[in-house]
């Protein structure tokens, strides 16, 4: 039996695998000492990029996401390929999804959008010095390029119109940084 925090794992069985997701079911001894099961879904690590132009406008994607069954307004996001540097992933995704190249890149932090069943680490980046170009979307993507003022985006986060957690963090982080710079 293997310890996992206050849990004990008796057995682990992989029940699903594809290039983006691995699902495991563990037979466990729960923290209260009772037997149980726990499912863990490991997603490919990813990046999210908030691109801000010289006019302090941010560039977001508006796209239908199959999993949630609706359109979502988000920062550019994508999966890190095995062995790929996360900043290179961020640069690639920004160019592919919105056709944007950036001169200045800043890595902010890594976040865990989910913490109970889904393991999906996401590295956050801020991009400035933008050059607009043509996107190179793949067959699963139909993306609208949306440009908002930072204040409009903050209001959309606060009113639940932007719900993608890495995007919310990036927008609130950018707003905080702008406020600190003005003071």
N, C-alpha and C. Protein backbone atom coordinates (compact mmCIF):
# COMPACT_ATOMS: atom_id res chain seq x y z
N UNK A 1 0.85 -1.17 0.00
CA UNK A 1 0.00 0.00 0.00
C UNK A 1 0.90 1.24 0.00
N UNK A 2 0.52 2.20 -0.83
CA UNK A 2 1.30 3.42 -0.98
C UNK A 2 0.57 4.60 -0.34
N UNK A 3 1.28 5.40 0.46
CA UNK A 3 0.68 6.59 1.06
C UNK A 3 0.56 7.70 0.02
N UNK A 4 -0.53 8.43 0.10
CA UNK A 4 -0.79 9.58 -0.78
C UNK A 4 -1.45 10.63 0.10
N UNK A 5 -0.63 11.43 0.80
CA UNK A 5 -1.17 12.34 1.81
C UNK A 5 -1.84 11.49 2.87
N UNK A 6 -3.05 11.86 3.29
CA UNK A 6 -3.76 11.05 4.30
C UNK A 6 -4.48 9.84 3.71
N UNK A 7 -4.39 9.65 2.39
CA UNK A 7 -5.00 8.52 1.71
C UNK A 7 -3.98 7.39 1.58
N UNK A 8 -4.45 6.17 1.44
CA UNK A 8 -3.60 5.01 1.15
C UNK A 8 -4.11 4.40 -0.15
N UNK A 9 -3.20 4.20 -1.11
CA UNK A 9 -3.59 3.62 -2.40
C UNK A 9 -3.29 2.12 -2.36
N UNK A 10 -4.33 1.31 -2.54
CA UNK A 10 -4.16 -0.15 -2.57
C UNK A 10 -3.79 -0.60 -3.98
N UNK A 11 -4.55 -0.16 -4.98
CA UNK A 11 -4.25 -0.51 -6.37
C UNK A 11 -4.59 0.69 -7.27
N UNK A 12 -3.93 0.73 -8.42
CA UNK A 12 -4.17 1.77 -9.42
C UNK A 12 -4.40 1.10 -10.76
N UNK A 13 -5.45 1.51 -11.46
CA UNK A 13 -5.76 0.97 -12.77
C UNK A 13 -6.04 2.10 -13.75
N UNK A 14 -5.29 2.11 -14.86
CA UNK A 14 -5.56 3.09 -15.90
C UNK A 14 -6.76 2.59 -16.70
N UNK A 15 -7.80 3.43 -16.84
CA UNK A 15 -9.02 3.00 -17.53
C UNK A 15 -9.21 3.69 -18.87
N UNK A 16 -8.45 4.75 -19.13
CA UNK A 16 -8.57 5.45 -20.41
C UNK A 16 -7.28 6.21 -20.69
N UNK A 17 -6.93 6.29 -21.99
CA UNK A 17 -5.75 7.05 -22.39
C UNK A 17 -5.92 7.52 -23.83
N UNK A 18 -5.61 8.80 -24.07
CA UNK A 18 -5.47 9.33 -25.42
C UNK A 18 -4.35 10.38 -25.35
N UNK A 19 -4.05 11.07 -26.43
CA UNK A 19 -2.93 12.01 -26.38
C UNK A 19 -3.11 13.17 -25.39
N UNK A 20 -4.32 13.42 -24.93
CA UNK A 20 -4.59 14.57 -24.07
C UNK A 20 -4.94 14.20 -22.63
N UNK A 21 -5.36 12.96 -22.41
CA UNK A 21 -5.95 12.60 -21.12
C UNK A 21 -5.62 11.17 -20.75
N UNK A 22 -5.27 10.96 -19.48
CA UNK A 22 -5.13 9.63 -18.89
C UNK A 22 -6.03 9.59 -17.66
N UNK A 23 -6.86 8.56 -17.56
CA UNK A 23 -7.77 8.43 -16.42
C UNK A 23 -7.40 7.19 -15.62
N UNK A 24 -7.27 7.38 -14.30
CA UNK A 24 -6.89 6.32 -13.37
C UNK A 24 -7.99 6.15 -12.33
N UNK A 25 -8.22 4.91 -11.93
CA UNK A 25 -9.11 4.63 -10.81
C UNK A 25 -8.28 3.93 -9.76
N UNK A 26 -8.26 4.50 -8.58
CA UNK A 26 -7.51 3.94 -7.46
C UNK A 26 -8.47 3.31 -6.45
N UNK A 27 -8.14 2.11 -5.99
CA UNK A 27 -8.80 1.54 -4.82
C UNK A 27 -8.01 2.06 -3.64
N UNK A 28 -8.71 2.69 -2.70
CA UNK A 28 -8.03 3.43 -1.63
C UNK A 28 -8.57 3.08 -0.26
N UNK A 29 -7.80 3.49 0.72
CA UNK A 29 -8.28 3.60 2.09
C UNK A 29 -8.36 5.11 2.32
N UNK A 30 -9.58 5.60 2.57
CA UNK A 30 -9.82 7.03 2.72
C UNK A 30 -9.22 7.55 4.03
N UNK A 31 -9.13 8.85 4.20
CA UNK A 31 -8.60 9.40 5.45
C UNK A 31 -9.37 8.95 6.70
N UNK A 32 -10.67 8.60 6.53
CA UNK A 32 -11.45 8.14 7.69
C UNK A 32 -11.26 6.64 7.96
N UNK A 33 -10.37 5.98 7.17
CA UNK A 33 -10.09 4.57 7.37
C UNK A 33 -10.98 3.62 6.59
N UNK A 34 -11.98 4.13 5.90
CA UNK A 34 -12.89 3.28 5.13
C UNK A 34 -12.34 3.05 3.72
N UNK A 35 -12.70 1.91 3.14
CA UNK A 35 -12.32 1.61 1.77
C UNK A 35 -13.14 2.47 0.81
N UNK A 36 -12.54 2.75 -0.34
CA UNK A 36 -13.24 3.52 -1.36
C UNK A 36 -12.48 3.51 -2.66
N UNK A 37 -12.95 4.32 -3.59
CA UNK A 37 -12.26 4.51 -4.86
C UNK A 37 -12.08 6.01 -5.09
N UNK A 38 -11.10 6.33 -5.89
CA UNK A 38 -10.89 7.73 -6.28
C UNK A 38 -10.44 7.74 -7.73
N UNK A 39 -11.03 8.63 -8.51
CA UNK A 39 -10.67 8.77 -9.92
C UNK A 39 -9.77 9.98 -10.06
N UNK A 40 -8.73 9.85 -10.90
CA UNK A 40 -7.85 10.97 -11.22
C UNK A 40 -7.72 11.04 -12.73
N UNK A 41 -7.96 12.23 -13.27
CA UNK A 41 -7.80 12.48 -14.71
C UNK A 41 -6.58 13.38 -14.89
N UNK A 42 -5.57 12.87 -15.57
CA UNK A 42 -4.36 13.64 -15.84
C UNK A 42 -4.45 14.19 -17.26
N UNK A 43 -4.53 15.53 -17.35
CA UNK A 43 -4.57 16.18 -18.66
C UNK A 43 -3.17 16.64 -19.04
N UNK A 44 -2.97 16.81 -20.32
CA UNK A 44 -1.70 17.34 -20.82
C UNK A 44 -1.48 18.72 -20.19
N UNK A 45 -0.29 19.02 -19.66
CA UNK A 45 -0.03 20.37 -19.13
C UNK A 45 -0.22 21.41 -20.23
N UNK A 46 -0.57 22.62 -19.82
CA UNK A 46 -0.85 23.64 -20.81
C UNK A 46 -0.30 25.00 -20.47
N UNK A 47 -0.61 25.94 -21.35
CA UNK A 47 -0.24 27.34 -21.18
C UNK A 47 -1.48 28.20 -21.45
N UNK A 48 -1.49 29.38 -20.87
CA UNK A 48 -2.45 30.42 -21.22
C UNK A 48 -1.67 31.71 -21.34
N UNK A 49 -2.01 32.50 -22.38
CA UNK A 49 -1.26 33.72 -22.71
C UNK A 49 -2.22 34.90 -22.77
N UNK A 50 -1.93 35.94 -22.00
CA UNK A 50 -2.67 37.19 -22.14
C UNK A 50 -1.81 38.14 -22.96
N UNK A 51 -2.29 38.49 -24.14
CA UNK A 51 -1.59 39.41 -25.04
C UNK A 51 -2.19 40.80 -24.88
N UNK A 52 -1.33 41.79 -24.61
CA UNK A 52 -1.79 43.17 -24.46
C UNK A 52 -1.03 44.06 -25.42
N UNK A 53 -1.77 44.87 -26.19
CA UNK A 53 -1.12 45.74 -27.17
C UNK A 53 -0.71 47.07 -26.54
N UNK A 54 -0.10 47.94 -27.32
CA UNK A 54 0.41 49.22 -26.83
C UNK A 54 -0.70 50.17 -26.40
N UNK A 55 -1.94 49.90 -26.81
CA UNK A 55 -3.09 50.72 -26.41
C UNK A 55 -3.76 50.17 -25.15
N UNK A 56 -3.09 49.20 -24.50
CA UNK A 56 -3.61 48.56 -23.29
C UNK A 56 -4.88 47.76 -23.57
N UNK A 57 -5.05 47.29 -24.79
CA UNK A 57 -6.16 46.41 -25.14
C UNK A 57 -5.65 44.97 -25.07
N UNK A 58 -6.52 44.08 -24.59
CA UNK A 58 -6.13 42.68 -24.53
C UNK A 58 -6.82 41.91 -25.65
N UNK A 59 -6.15 40.86 -26.10
CA UNK A 59 -6.60 40.05 -27.23
C UNK A 59 -6.99 38.67 -26.71
N UNK A 60 -8.27 38.33 -26.91
CA UNK A 60 -8.82 37.09 -26.40
C UNK A 60 -9.42 36.26 -27.53
N UNK A 61 -9.69 35.01 -27.22
CA UNK A 61 -10.38 34.12 -28.15
C UNK A 61 -11.83 33.97 -27.71
N UNK A 62 -12.71 33.80 -28.67
CA UNK A 62 -14.11 33.47 -28.40
C UNK A 62 -14.39 32.22 -29.22
N UNK A 63 -14.64 31.13 -28.52
CA UNK A 63 -14.70 29.84 -29.21
C UNK A 63 -15.67 28.91 -28.49
N UNK A 64 -16.35 28.06 -29.25
CA UNK A 64 -17.19 27.03 -28.66
C UNK A 64 -16.28 25.93 -28.12
N UNK A 65 -16.51 25.55 -26.86
CA UNK A 65 -15.75 24.46 -26.25
C UNK A 65 -16.68 23.29 -25.98
N UNK A 66 -16.36 22.19 -26.61
CA UNK A 66 -17.20 20.99 -26.58
C UNK A 66 -17.52 20.56 -25.15
N UNK A 67 -16.51 20.53 -24.28
CA UNK A 67 -16.70 20.02 -22.92
C UNK A 67 -17.75 20.77 -22.13
N UNK A 68 -17.75 22.10 -22.22
CA UNK A 68 -18.73 22.88 -21.45
C UNK A 68 -19.99 23.16 -22.26
N UNK A 69 -19.94 22.86 -23.57
CA UNK A 69 -21.12 22.99 -24.40
C UNK A 69 -21.57 24.41 -24.69
N UNK A 70 -20.62 25.35 -24.65
CA UNK A 70 -20.97 26.75 -24.93
C UNK A 70 -19.73 27.51 -25.38
N UNK A 71 -19.96 28.72 -25.82
CA UNK A 71 -18.86 29.60 -26.20
C UNK A 71 -18.20 30.16 -24.95
N UNK A 72 -16.90 30.38 -25.04
CA UNK A 72 -16.15 30.90 -23.91
C UNK A 72 -15.17 31.96 -24.41
N UNK A 73 -15.07 33.06 -23.66
CA UNK A 73 -14.13 34.13 -23.94
C UNK A 73 -12.90 33.87 -23.08
N UNK A 74 -11.73 33.69 -23.74
CA UNK A 74 -10.55 33.22 -23.01
C UNK A 74 -9.27 33.82 -23.57
N UNK A 75 -8.23 33.77 -22.75
CA UNK A 75 -6.87 34.00 -23.24
C UNK A 75 -6.51 32.84 -24.16
N UNK A 76 -5.53 33.06 -24.99
CA UNK A 76 -5.03 31.97 -25.84
C UNK A 76 -4.52 30.86 -24.93
N UNK A 77 -4.90 29.63 -25.22
CA UNK A 77 -4.48 28.50 -24.39
C UNK A 77 -4.21 27.30 -25.27
N UNK A 78 -3.35 26.41 -24.78
CA UNK A 78 -3.07 25.20 -25.52
C UNK A 78 -2.19 24.25 -24.73
N UNK A 79 -2.07 23.04 -25.24
CA UNK A 79 -1.30 22.00 -24.58
C UNK A 79 0.17 22.03 -24.93
N UNK A 80 0.99 21.73 -23.95
CA UNK A 80 2.44 21.64 -24.13
C UNK A 80 2.76 20.26 -24.69
N UNK A 81 3.41 20.23 -25.84
CA UNK A 81 3.80 18.96 -26.44
C UNK A 81 4.94 18.35 -25.62
N UNK A 82 5.04 17.03 -25.57
CA UNK A 82 6.12 16.38 -24.81
C UNK A 82 7.49 16.93 -25.22
N UNK A 83 8.27 17.38 -24.25
CA UNK A 83 9.61 17.90 -24.48
C UNK A 83 9.66 19.34 -24.94
N UNK A 84 8.50 19.97 -25.15
CA UNK A 84 8.46 21.35 -25.64
C UNK A 84 8.62 22.32 -24.48
N UNK A 85 9.39 23.39 -24.70
CA UNK A 85 9.53 24.44 -23.71
C UNK A 85 8.20 25.18 -23.60
N UNK A 86 7.70 25.44 -22.37
CA UNK A 86 6.40 26.10 -22.22
C UNK A 86 6.32 27.47 -22.91
N UNK A 87 7.39 28.25 -22.89
CA UNK A 87 7.33 29.54 -23.57
C UNK A 87 7.19 29.36 -25.08
N UNK A 88 7.85 28.35 -25.63
CA UNK A 88 7.69 28.07 -27.06
C UNK A 88 6.25 27.66 -27.37
N UNK A 89 5.63 26.90 -26.46
CA UNK A 89 4.22 26.55 -26.62
C UNK A 89 3.37 27.81 -26.63
N UNK A 90 3.64 28.72 -25.68
CA UNK A 90 2.87 29.96 -25.59
C UNK A 90 3.01 30.77 -26.88
N UNK A 91 4.24 30.89 -27.38
CA UNK A 91 4.47 31.63 -28.62
C UNK A 91 3.74 30.98 -29.80
N UNK A 92 3.83 29.66 -29.88
CA UNK A 92 3.18 28.91 -30.97
C UNK A 92 1.67 29.08 -30.92
N UNK A 93 1.08 28.93 -29.74
CA UNK A 93 -0.37 29.02 -29.60
C UNK A 93 -0.88 30.42 -29.93
N UNK A 94 -0.17 31.46 -29.49
CA UNK A 94 -0.59 32.83 -29.78
C UNK A 94 -0.57 33.09 -31.28
N UNK A 95 0.45 32.59 -31.94
CA UNK A 95 0.58 32.76 -33.40
C UNK A 95 -0.50 31.95 -34.13
N UNK A 96 -0.70 30.70 -33.72
CA UNK A 96 -1.69 29.85 -34.40
C UNK A 96 -3.12 30.34 -34.20
N UNK A 97 -3.48 30.67 -32.96
CA UNK A 97 -4.88 30.98 -32.66
C UNK A 97 -5.31 32.39 -33.05
N UNK A 98 -4.42 33.38 -32.87
CA UNK A 98 -4.79 34.76 -33.17
C UNK A 98 -3.89 35.42 -34.21
N UNK A 99 -2.84 34.72 -34.66
CA UNK A 99 -1.94 35.30 -35.65
C UNK A 99 -1.05 36.38 -35.07
N UNK A 100 -0.82 36.35 -33.76
CA UNK A 100 -0.05 37.39 -33.08
C UNK A 100 1.34 36.89 -32.73
N UNK A 101 2.34 37.73 -33.00
CA UNK A 101 3.71 37.52 -32.51
C UNK A 101 3.97 38.60 -31.47
N UNK A 102 4.81 38.31 -30.49
CA UNK A 102 5.10 39.28 -29.43
C UNK A 102 6.61 39.41 -29.24
N UNK A 103 7.05 40.62 -28.97
CA UNK A 103 8.47 40.89 -28.72
C UNK A 103 8.86 40.56 -27.28
N UNK A 104 7.97 40.86 -26.34
CA UNK A 104 8.30 40.70 -24.93
C UNK A 104 7.39 39.65 -24.28
N UNK A 105 8.03 38.72 -23.60
CA UNK A 105 7.32 37.64 -22.93
C UNK A 105 7.69 37.62 -21.46
N UNK A 106 6.69 37.36 -20.64
CA UNK A 106 6.94 37.23 -19.21
C UNK A 106 6.20 36.00 -18.69
N UNK A 107 6.95 35.11 -18.06
CA UNK A 107 6.34 33.97 -17.39
C UNK A 107 5.90 34.44 -16.02
N UNK A 108 4.66 34.13 -15.65
CA UNK A 108 4.14 34.58 -14.36
C UNK A 108 4.19 33.49 -13.30
N UNK A 109 3.50 32.39 -13.54
CA UNK A 109 3.42 31.32 -12.54
C UNK A 109 2.74 30.11 -13.15
N UNK A 110 2.66 29.06 -12.38
CA UNK A 110 1.89 27.88 -12.77
C UNK A 110 0.70 27.77 -11.83
N UNK A 111 -0.46 27.46 -12.38
CA UNK A 111 -1.67 27.30 -11.56
C UNK A 111 -2.27 25.92 -11.79
N UNK A 112 -3.06 25.50 -10.83
CA UNK A 112 -3.82 24.26 -10.92
C UNK A 112 -5.30 24.63 -11.03
N UNK A 113 -5.85 24.68 -12.26
CA UNK A 113 -7.25 25.08 -12.41
C UNK A 113 -8.22 24.17 -11.66
N UNK A 114 -7.85 22.93 -11.44
CA UNK A 114 -8.66 21.96 -10.71
C UNK A 114 -7.76 21.33 -9.67
N UNK A 115 -8.31 20.89 -8.55
CA UNK A 115 -7.45 20.30 -7.52
C UNK A 115 -7.99 19.02 -6.90
N UNK A 116 -9.15 18.56 -7.30
CA UNK A 116 -9.69 17.37 -6.65
C UNK A 116 -9.54 16.11 -7.49
N UNK A 117 -9.99 16.15 -8.72
CA UNK A 117 -9.97 14.96 -9.56
C UNK A 117 -9.11 15.14 -10.80
N UNK A 118 -9.04 16.37 -11.31
CA UNK A 118 -8.32 16.64 -12.56
C UNK A 118 -6.96 17.27 -12.26
N UNK A 119 -5.92 16.68 -12.81
CA UNK A 119 -4.57 17.24 -12.73
C UNK A 119 -4.31 17.91 -14.08
N UNK A 120 -4.21 19.23 -14.07
CA UNK A 120 -4.09 19.98 -15.32
C UNK A 120 -3.27 21.24 -15.09
N UNK A 121 -1.95 21.12 -14.82
CA UNK A 121 -1.16 22.31 -14.56
C UNK A 121 -1.12 23.23 -15.77
N UNK A 122 -1.21 24.54 -15.51
CA UNK A 122 -1.23 25.53 -16.58
C UNK A 122 -0.23 26.64 -16.26
N UNK A 123 0.68 26.88 -17.18
CA UNK A 123 1.66 27.96 -17.01
C UNK A 123 1.11 29.23 -17.65
N UNK A 124 1.22 30.35 -16.93
CA UNK A 124 0.65 31.61 -17.37
C UNK A 124 1.73 32.54 -17.90
N UNK A 125 1.43 33.18 -19.04
CA UNK A 125 2.37 34.10 -19.69
C UNK A 125 1.66 35.40 -20.03
N UNK A 126 2.45 36.46 -20.07
CA UNK A 126 2.00 37.79 -20.48
C UNK A 126 2.83 38.18 -21.69
N UNK A 127 2.19 38.64 -22.76
CA UNK A 127 2.89 38.99 -24.00
C UNK A 127 2.62 40.45 -24.36
N UNK A 128 3.69 41.19 -24.69
CA UNK A 128 3.59 42.60 -25.09
C UNK A 128 4.40 42.81 -26.36
N UNK A 129 4.28 44.00 -26.95
CA UNK A 129 5.00 44.30 -28.18
C UNK A 129 4.45 43.45 -29.31
N UNK A 130 3.15 43.57 -29.54
CA UNK A 130 2.44 42.66 -30.45
C UNK A 130 2.55 43.09 -31.91
N UNK A 131 2.63 42.08 -32.77
CA UNK A 131 2.53 42.25 -34.22
C UNK A 131 1.40 41.33 -34.67
N UNK A 132 0.40 41.93 -35.32
CA UNK A 132 -0.76 41.15 -35.75
C UNK A 132 -0.49 40.52 -37.11
N UNK A 133 -0.96 39.29 -37.26
CA UNK A 133 -0.81 38.56 -38.51
C UNK A 133 -2.04 37.70 -38.75
N UNK A 134 -1.85 36.61 -39.45
CA UNK A 134 -2.94 35.71 -39.82
C UNK A 134 -2.86 34.43 -38.99
N UNK A 135 -3.97 34.03 -38.36
CA UNK A 135 -3.97 32.79 -37.59
C UNK A 135 -3.80 31.57 -38.50
N UNK A 136 -3.42 30.45 -37.89
CA UNK A 136 -3.29 29.18 -38.60
C UNK A 136 -4.03 28.12 -37.78
N UNK A 137 -5.36 28.18 -37.84
CA UNK A 137 -6.20 27.32 -37.01
C UNK A 137 -6.18 25.88 -37.50
N UNK A 138 -6.35 24.95 -36.54
CA UNK A 138 -6.47 23.55 -36.96
C UNK A 138 -7.95 23.21 -37.13
N UNK A 139 -8.23 22.00 -37.54
CA UNK A 139 -9.59 21.59 -37.89
C UNK A 139 -10.59 21.60 -36.76
N UNK A 140 -10.13 21.61 -35.51
CA UNK A 140 -11.05 21.62 -34.38
C UNK A 140 -11.34 23.04 -33.90
N UNK A 141 -10.69 24.03 -34.50
CA UNK A 141 -10.81 25.40 -34.01
C UNK A 141 -11.58 26.30 -34.98
N UNK A 142 -12.51 27.05 -34.42
CA UNK A 142 -13.19 28.13 -35.13
C UNK A 142 -13.22 29.27 -34.13
N UNK A 143 -12.20 30.14 -34.21
CA UNK A 143 -11.96 31.14 -33.18
C UNK A 143 -12.24 32.54 -33.70
N UNK A 144 -12.98 33.30 -32.89
CA UNK A 144 -13.18 34.72 -33.15
C UNK A 144 -12.17 35.49 -32.30
N UNK A 145 -11.48 36.45 -32.90
CA UNK A 145 -10.50 37.30 -32.22
C UNK A 145 -11.26 38.47 -31.60
N UNK A 146 -11.19 38.59 -30.27
CA UNK A 146 -11.90 39.64 -29.54
C UNK A 146 -10.88 40.56 -28.87
N UNK A 147 -11.06 41.86 -29.05
CA UNK A 147 -10.17 42.85 -28.43
C UNK A 147 -11.00 43.68 -27.45
N UNK A 148 -10.55 43.74 -26.20
CA UNK A 148 -11.24 44.47 -25.14
C UNK A 148 -10.25 45.35 -24.38
N UNK A 149 -10.77 46.41 -23.78
CA UNK A 149 -9.94 47.14 -22.83
C UNK A 149 -9.78 46.25 -21.60
N UNK A 150 -8.72 46.48 -20.86
CA UNK A 150 -8.50 45.70 -19.66
C UNK A 150 -9.67 45.89 -18.69
N UNK A 151 -10.17 47.09 -18.57
CA UNK A 151 -11.30 47.35 -17.66
C UNK A 151 -12.55 46.58 -18.08
N UNK A 152 -12.83 46.53 -19.39
CA UNK A 152 -13.97 45.73 -19.87
C UNK A 152 -13.78 44.26 -19.48
N UNK A 153 -12.57 43.76 -19.66
CA UNK A 153 -12.30 42.36 -19.33
C UNK A 153 -12.45 42.10 -17.84
N UNK A 154 -11.97 43.01 -17.00
CA UNK A 154 -12.12 42.86 -15.55
C UNK A 154 -13.60 42.78 -15.19
N UNK A 155 -14.41 43.65 -15.78
CA UNK A 155 -15.85 43.64 -15.50
C UNK A 155 -16.48 42.31 -15.94
N UNK A 156 -16.02 41.77 -17.06
CA UNK A 156 -16.55 40.48 -17.52
C UNK A 156 -16.16 39.35 -16.56
N UNK A 157 -14.96 39.41 -15.98
CA UNK A 157 -14.57 38.43 -14.97
C UNK A 157 -15.46 38.57 -13.74
N UNK A 158 -15.64 39.81 -13.27
CA UNK A 158 -16.40 40.05 -12.05
C UNK A 158 -17.89 39.73 -12.20
N UNK A 159 -18.40 39.77 -13.43
CA UNK A 159 -19.81 39.46 -13.68
C UNK A 159 -20.02 38.04 -14.21
N UNK A 160 -18.99 37.20 -14.16
CA UNK A 160 -19.14 35.81 -14.56
C UNK A 160 -19.28 35.60 -16.05
N UNK A 161 -18.88 36.58 -16.86
CA UNK A 161 -18.93 36.43 -18.31
C UNK A 161 -17.65 35.82 -18.86
N UNK A 162 -16.57 35.91 -18.11
CA UNK A 162 -15.34 35.18 -18.40
C UNK A 162 -15.15 34.23 -17.23
N UNK A 163 -15.14 32.91 -17.54
CA UNK A 163 -15.12 31.91 -16.47
C UNK A 163 -13.90 30.98 -16.51
N UNK A 164 -13.13 31.03 -17.57
CA UNK A 164 -11.93 30.18 -17.69
C UNK A 164 -10.93 30.66 -16.64
N UNK A 165 -10.65 29.83 -15.65
CA UNK A 165 -9.89 30.29 -14.48
C UNK A 165 -8.50 30.83 -14.82
N UNK A 166 -7.69 30.20 -15.70
CA UNK A 166 -6.40 30.83 -16.00
C UNK A 166 -6.57 32.22 -16.62
N UNK A 167 -7.60 32.41 -17.45
CA UNK A 167 -7.85 33.73 -18.04
C UNK A 167 -8.24 34.73 -16.95
N UNK A 168 -9.09 34.33 -16.02
CA UNK A 168 -9.47 35.22 -14.92
C UNK A 168 -8.24 35.66 -14.14
N UNK A 169 -7.36 34.73 -13.83
CA UNK A 169 -6.14 35.06 -13.09
C UNK A 169 -5.29 36.04 -13.89
N UNK A 170 -5.10 35.77 -15.16
CA UNK A 170 -4.28 36.66 -16.00
C UNK A 170 -4.86 38.07 -16.08
N UNK A 171 -6.16 38.20 -16.27
CA UNK A 171 -6.79 39.51 -16.37
C UNK A 171 -6.68 40.27 -15.05
N UNK A 172 -6.97 39.60 -13.94
CA UNK A 172 -6.88 40.27 -12.64
C UNK A 172 -5.43 40.62 -12.30
N UNK A 173 -4.49 39.76 -12.68
CA UNK A 173 -3.08 40.05 -12.48
C UNK A 173 -2.67 41.29 -13.28
N UNK A 174 -3.07 41.38 -14.55
CA UNK A 174 -2.73 42.52 -15.40
C UNK A 174 -3.34 43.80 -14.84
N UNK A 175 -4.58 43.72 -14.38
CA UNK A 175 -5.23 44.89 -13.80
C UNK A 175 -4.48 45.36 -12.55
N UNK A 176 -4.11 44.43 -11.70
CA UNK A 176 -3.37 44.77 -10.47
C UNK A 176 -2.04 45.42 -10.81
N UNK A 177 -1.34 44.85 -11.78
CA UNK A 177 -0.05 45.40 -12.19
C UNK A 177 -0.23 46.83 -12.74
N UNK A 178 -1.24 47.04 -13.57
CA UNK A 178 -1.49 48.37 -14.11
C UNK A 178 -1.80 49.38 -13.01
N UNK A 179 -2.58 48.98 -12.02
CA UNK A 179 -2.91 49.88 -10.90
C UNK A 179 -1.66 50.24 -10.10
N UNK A 180 -0.79 49.23 -9.86
CA UNK A 180 0.44 49.49 -9.10
C UNK A 180 1.37 50.41 -9.88
N UNK A 181 1.41 50.28 -11.19
CA UNK A 181 2.30 51.11 -12.01
C UNK A 181 1.83 52.56 -12.04
N UNK A 182 0.49 52.76 -12.00
CA UNK A 182 -0.06 54.12 -12.02
C UNK A 182 0.18 54.85 -10.70
N UNK A 183 0.29 54.12 -9.60
CA UNK A 183 0.46 54.77 -8.28
C UNK A 183 1.90 55.06 -7.96
